[in-house]
Amino acid sequence: MAKFFPLGQVMGFIFSLVLTGIAMLVYFTDMSFTTGMIVLLVTAFIQAGLQFIVFMHAGETEDKWSIYSNIFYGLGLVIMTVLGTLLILLWDM
């Protein structure tokens, strides 16, 4: 019976709830803007990684490195798009 219980998914769900609770503390406590943004960014990236690995089963196939390289490629495109948008629209360059 224990081999049919999805312990990894349950632990991932509990860890996701803990990360959400930590992020909610930013709203309910009186943190400075810089500290709050750092906490939110760290918890957001950890939770995104958790979603990819645990719930989207990215690490369970034998071709997991191609999946991870696609994720890194997508992150690179996102960073270039955001920085390019800031460069043109906000920084007037």
N, C-alpha and C. Protein backbone atom coordinates (compact mmCIF):
# COMPACT_ATOMS: atom_id res chain seq x y z
N MET A 1 0.81 -1.20 0.00
CA MET A 1 0.00 0.00 0.00
C MET A 1 0.85 1.26 0.00
N ALA A 2 2.01 1.21 0.64
CA ALA A 2 2.86 2.39 0.74
C ALA A 2 3.43 2.78 -0.62
N LYS A 3 3.61 1.80 -1.53
CA LYS A 3 4.17 2.16 -2.83
C LYS A 3 3.16 2.87 -3.72
N PHE A 4 1.88 2.80 -3.38
CA PHE A 4 0.85 3.48 -4.16
C PHE A 4 0.52 4.88 -3.63
N PHE A 5 1.04 5.22 -2.46
CA PHE A 5 0.77 6.53 -1.87
C PHE A 5 1.74 7.56 -2.44
N PRO A 6 1.25 8.66 -2.99
CA PRO A 6 2.14 9.66 -3.61
C PRO A 6 2.79 10.57 -2.58
N LEU A 7 3.75 10.03 -1.85
CA LEU A 7 4.39 10.79 -0.78
C LEU A 7 5.11 12.03 -1.30
N GLY A 8 5.75 11.92 -2.46
CA GLY A 8 6.46 13.07 -3.03
C GLY A 8 5.52 14.22 -3.35
N GLN A 9 4.35 13.90 -3.92
CA GLN A 9 3.39 14.94 -4.25
C GLN A 9 2.78 15.56 -3.00
N VAL A 10 2.53 14.76 -1.98
CA VAL A 10 1.96 15.30 -0.74
C VAL A 10 2.97 16.21 -0.05
N MET A 11 4.23 15.78 0.00
CA MET A 11 5.26 16.61 0.61
C MET A 11 5.48 17.89 -0.21
N GLY A 12 5.41 17.79 -1.52
CA GLY A 12 5.52 18.97 -2.36
C GLY A 12 4.38 19.94 -2.13
N PHE A 13 3.17 19.40 -1.95
CA PHE A 13 2.01 20.25 -1.67
C PHE A 13 2.15 20.95 -0.33
N ILE A 14 2.62 20.22 0.69
CA ILE A 14 2.80 20.83 2.01
C ILE A 14 3.89 21.90 1.96
N PHE A 15 4.99 21.61 1.26
CA PHE A 15 6.06 22.60 1.13
C PHE A 15 5.58 23.82 0.35
N SER A 16 4.71 23.60 -0.64
CA SER A 16 4.14 24.72 -1.40
C SER A 16 3.26 25.58 -0.50
N LEU A 17 2.50 24.95 0.38
CA LEU A 17 1.68 25.72 1.33
C LEU A 17 2.54 26.51 2.31
N VAL A 18 3.65 25.92 2.75
CA VAL A 18 4.56 26.62 3.66
C VAL A 18 5.16 27.84 2.96
N LEU A 19 5.58 27.68 1.69
CA LEU A 19 6.13 28.81 0.95
C LEU A 19 5.08 29.90 0.73
N THR A 20 3.84 29.51 0.49
CA THR A 20 2.78 30.50 0.35
C THR A 20 2.55 31.23 1.67
N GLY A 21 2.62 30.52 2.78
CA GLY A 21 2.48 31.15 4.09
C GLY A 21 3.60 32.14 4.37
N ILE A 22 4.82 31.77 3.97
CA ILE A 22 5.95 32.69 4.14
C ILE A 22 5.74 33.95 3.30
N ALA A 23 5.25 33.77 2.07
CA ALA A 23 5.00 34.93 1.22
C ALA A 23 3.87 35.80 1.78
N MET A 24 2.89 35.19 2.42
CA MET A 24 1.80 35.97 3.02
C MET A 24 2.28 36.77 4.22
N LEU A 25 3.33 36.30 4.89
CA LEU A 25 3.87 37.05 6.01
C LEU A 25 4.40 38.41 5.58
N VAL A 26 4.81 38.53 4.33
CA VAL A 26 5.27 39.83 3.82
C VAL A 26 4.13 40.83 3.88
N TYR A 27 2.94 40.37 3.56
CA TYR A 27 1.78 41.27 3.55
C TYR A 27 1.32 41.60 4.97
N PHE A 28 1.32 40.60 5.84
CA PHE A 28 0.74 40.80 7.17
C PHE A 28 1.72 41.36 8.19
N THR A 29 3.01 41.35 7.90
CA THR A 29 3.97 41.95 8.84
C THR A 29 4.47 43.27 8.26
N ASP A 30 5.12 44.03 9.07
CA ASP A 30 5.60 45.34 8.65
C ASP A 30 7.06 45.24 8.21
N MET A 31 7.27 44.65 7.03
CA MET A 31 8.62 44.53 6.49
C MET A 31 8.93 45.73 5.62
N SER A 32 10.21 46.01 5.49
CA SER A 32 10.59 47.07 4.57
C SER A 32 10.37 46.58 3.14
N PHE A 33 10.36 47.51 2.20
CA PHE A 33 10.10 47.16 0.81
C PHE A 33 11.17 46.21 0.27
N THR A 34 12.42 46.51 0.57
CA THR A 34 13.53 45.70 0.06
C THR A 34 13.48 44.28 0.62
N THR A 35 13.28 44.15 1.92
CA THR A 35 13.20 42.84 2.54
C THR A 35 12.01 42.05 2.02
N GLY A 36 10.88 42.71 1.88
CA GLY A 36 9.68 42.04 1.38
C GLY A 36 9.86 41.54 -0.04
N MET A 37 10.49 42.34 -0.89
CA MET A 37 10.71 41.93 -2.27
C MET A 37 11.70 40.77 -2.36
N ILE A 38 12.71 40.78 -1.52
CA ILE A 38 13.67 39.67 -1.52
C ILE A 38 12.98 38.38 -1.09
N VAL A 39 12.17 38.45 -0.03
CA VAL A 39 11.45 37.27 0.44
C VAL A 39 10.49 36.77 -0.63
N LEU A 40 9.77 37.67 -1.27
CA LEU A 40 8.82 37.27 -2.31
C LEU A 40 9.52 36.64 -3.51
N LEU A 41 10.63 37.22 -3.94
CA LEU A 41 11.35 36.66 -5.09
C LEU A 41 11.94 35.29 -4.78
N VAL A 42 12.52 35.14 -3.61
CA VAL A 42 13.11 33.85 -3.24
C VAL A 42 12.03 32.78 -3.14
N THR A 43 10.93 33.07 -2.46
CA THR A 43 9.87 32.07 -2.34
C THR A 43 9.21 31.78 -3.69
N ALA A 44 9.11 32.78 -4.55
CA ALA A 44 8.51 32.55 -5.87
C ALA A 44 9.37 31.63 -6.72
N PHE A 45 10.69 31.85 -6.73
CA PHE A 45 11.56 30.99 -7.53
C PHE A 45 11.64 29.58 -6.97
N ILE A 46 11.66 29.44 -5.66
CA ILE A 46 11.66 28.11 -5.05
C ILE A 46 10.36 27.38 -5.39
N GLN A 47 9.25 28.08 -5.30
CA GLN A 47 7.96 27.45 -5.58
C GLN A 47 7.83 27.10 -7.07
N ALA A 48 8.35 27.93 -7.95
CA ALA A 48 8.32 27.61 -9.38
C ALA A 48 9.15 26.36 -9.67
N GLY A 49 10.31 26.27 -9.07
CA GLY A 49 11.13 25.06 -9.22
C GLY A 49 10.45 23.83 -8.67
N LEU A 50 9.80 23.99 -7.53
CA LEU A 50 9.05 22.89 -6.93
C LEU A 50 7.92 22.42 -7.84
N GLN A 51 7.22 23.35 -8.46
CA GLN A 51 6.14 22.99 -9.37
C GLN A 51 6.67 22.22 -10.57
N PHE A 52 7.80 22.67 -11.14
CA PHE A 52 8.36 21.97 -12.29
C PHE A 52 8.80 20.56 -11.94
N ILE A 53 9.50 20.42 -10.84
CA ILE A 53 10.11 19.13 -10.52
C ILE A 53 9.08 18.15 -9.97
N VAL A 54 8.26 18.58 -9.02
CA VAL A 54 7.37 17.65 -8.34
C VAL A 54 6.06 17.44 -9.11
N PHE A 55 5.40 18.52 -9.49
CA PHE A 55 4.06 18.38 -10.03
C PHE A 55 4.02 18.23 -11.55
N MET A 56 5.05 18.69 -12.25
CA MET A 56 5.09 18.50 -13.70
C MET A 56 6.01 17.33 -14.07
N HIS A 57 6.53 16.63 -13.06
CA HIS A 57 7.33 15.41 -13.22
C HIS A 57 8.52 15.62 -14.14
N ALA A 58 9.20 16.75 -14.01
CA ALA A 58 10.33 17.06 -14.89
C ALA A 58 11.52 16.15 -14.63
N GLY A 59 11.68 15.68 -13.43
CA GLY A 59 12.85 14.87 -13.12
C GLY A 59 12.62 13.39 -13.18
N GLU A 60 11.46 12.93 -13.65
CA GLU A 60 11.14 11.51 -13.60
C GLU A 60 11.38 10.78 -14.91
N THR A 61 11.77 11.47 -15.96
CA THR A 61 12.01 10.80 -17.23
C THR A 61 13.50 10.58 -17.42
N GLU A 62 13.86 9.73 -18.35
CA GLU A 62 15.28 9.49 -18.59
C GLU A 62 15.89 10.60 -19.44
N ASP A 63 15.05 11.44 -20.03
CA ASP A 63 15.53 12.57 -20.83
C ASP A 63 15.33 13.88 -20.07
N LYS A 64 15.63 13.85 -18.76
CA LYS A 64 15.34 15.02 -17.93
C LYS A 64 16.23 16.21 -18.23
N TRP A 65 17.44 16.00 -18.76
CA TRP A 65 18.33 17.14 -19.02
C TRP A 65 17.85 17.97 -20.19
N SER A 66 17.16 17.35 -21.14
CA SER A 66 16.59 18.17 -22.22
C SER A 66 15.42 19.01 -21.70
N ILE A 67 14.68 18.47 -20.75
CA ILE A 67 13.60 19.25 -20.14
C ILE A 67 14.17 20.42 -19.35
N TYR A 68 15.22 20.15 -18.58
CA TYR A 68 15.84 21.23 -17.81
C TYR A 68 16.47 22.28 -18.71
N SER A 69 17.08 21.86 -19.82
CA SER A 69 17.67 22.85 -20.73
C SER A 69 16.58 23.70 -21.39
N ASN A 70 15.42 23.11 -21.68
CA ASN A 70 14.30 23.89 -22.22
C ASN A 70 13.80 24.90 -21.20
N ILE A 71 13.78 24.52 -19.94
CA ILE A 71 13.35 25.44 -18.88
C ILE A 71 14.34 26.60 -18.77
N PHE A 72 15.65 26.31 -18.79
CA PHE A 72 16.65 27.37 -18.72
C PHE A 72 16.60 28.27 -19.95
N TYR A 73 16.35 27.68 -21.11
CA TYR A 73 16.20 28.47 -22.33
C TYR A 73 15.01 29.42 -22.21
N GLY A 74 13.89 28.91 -21.70
CA GLY A 74 12.70 29.75 -21.51
C GLY A 74 12.95 30.86 -20.51
N LEU A 75 13.66 30.54 -19.42
CA LEU A 75 14.00 31.58 -18.44
C LEU A 75 14.90 32.65 -19.06
N GLY A 76 15.83 32.23 -19.91
CA GLY A 76 16.68 33.21 -20.59
C GLY A 76 15.87 34.13 -21.49
N LEU A 77 14.91 33.57 -22.21
CA LEU A 77 14.04 34.39 -23.05
C LEU A 77 13.20 35.36 -22.22
N VAL A 78 12.72 34.90 -21.09
CA VAL A 78 11.92 35.77 -20.22
C VAL A 78 12.78 36.92 -19.70
N ILE A 79 14.00 36.62 -19.27
CA ILE A 79 14.88 37.67 -18.74
C ILE A 79 15.22 38.67 -19.83
N MET A 80 15.53 38.19 -21.04
CA MET A 80 15.84 39.12 -22.14
C MET A 80 14.63 39.97 -22.51
N THR A 81 13.43 39.38 -22.50
CA THR A 81 12.23 40.14 -22.84
C THR A 81 11.94 41.21 -21.80
N VAL A 82 12.05 40.86 -20.52
CA VAL A 82 11.78 41.83 -19.46
C VAL A 82 12.82 42.94 -19.47
N LEU A 83 14.09 42.58 -19.57
CA LEU A 83 15.13 43.61 -19.59
C LEU A 83 15.05 44.47 -20.85
N GLY A 84 14.72 43.88 -21.98
CA GLY A 84 14.55 44.67 -23.20
C GLY A 84 13.38 45.62 -23.11
N THR A 85 12.30 45.17 -22.50
CA THR A 85 11.14 46.04 -22.33
C THR A 85 11.47 47.19 -21.38
N LEU A 86 12.16 46.89 -20.29
CA LEU A 86 12.57 47.96 -19.37
C LEU A 86 13.53 48.92 -20.04
N LEU A 87 14.44 48.38 -20.84
CA LEU A 87 15.43 49.21 -21.53
C LEU A 87 14.75 50.20 -22.48
N ILE A 88 13.74 49.74 -23.20
CA ILE A 88 13.10 50.61 -24.20
C ILE A 88 12.05 51.50 -23.56
N LEU A 89 11.17 50.95 -22.75
CA LEU A 89 10.01 51.72 -22.27
C LEU A 89 10.29 52.54 -21.02
N LEU A 90 11.12 52.04 -20.14
CA LEU A 90 11.31 52.74 -18.87
C LEU A 90 12.60 53.57 -18.85
N TRP A 91 13.67 53.01 -19.40
CA TRP A 91 14.95 53.69 -19.31
C TRP A 91 15.24 54.54 -20.53
N ASP A 92 14.37 54.57 -21.52
CA ASP A 92 14.47 55.41 -22.73
C ASP A 92 15.80 55.27 -23.47
N MET A 93 16.22 54.05 -23.71
CA MET A 93 17.49 53.83 -24.43
C MET A 93 17.21 53.21 -25.78
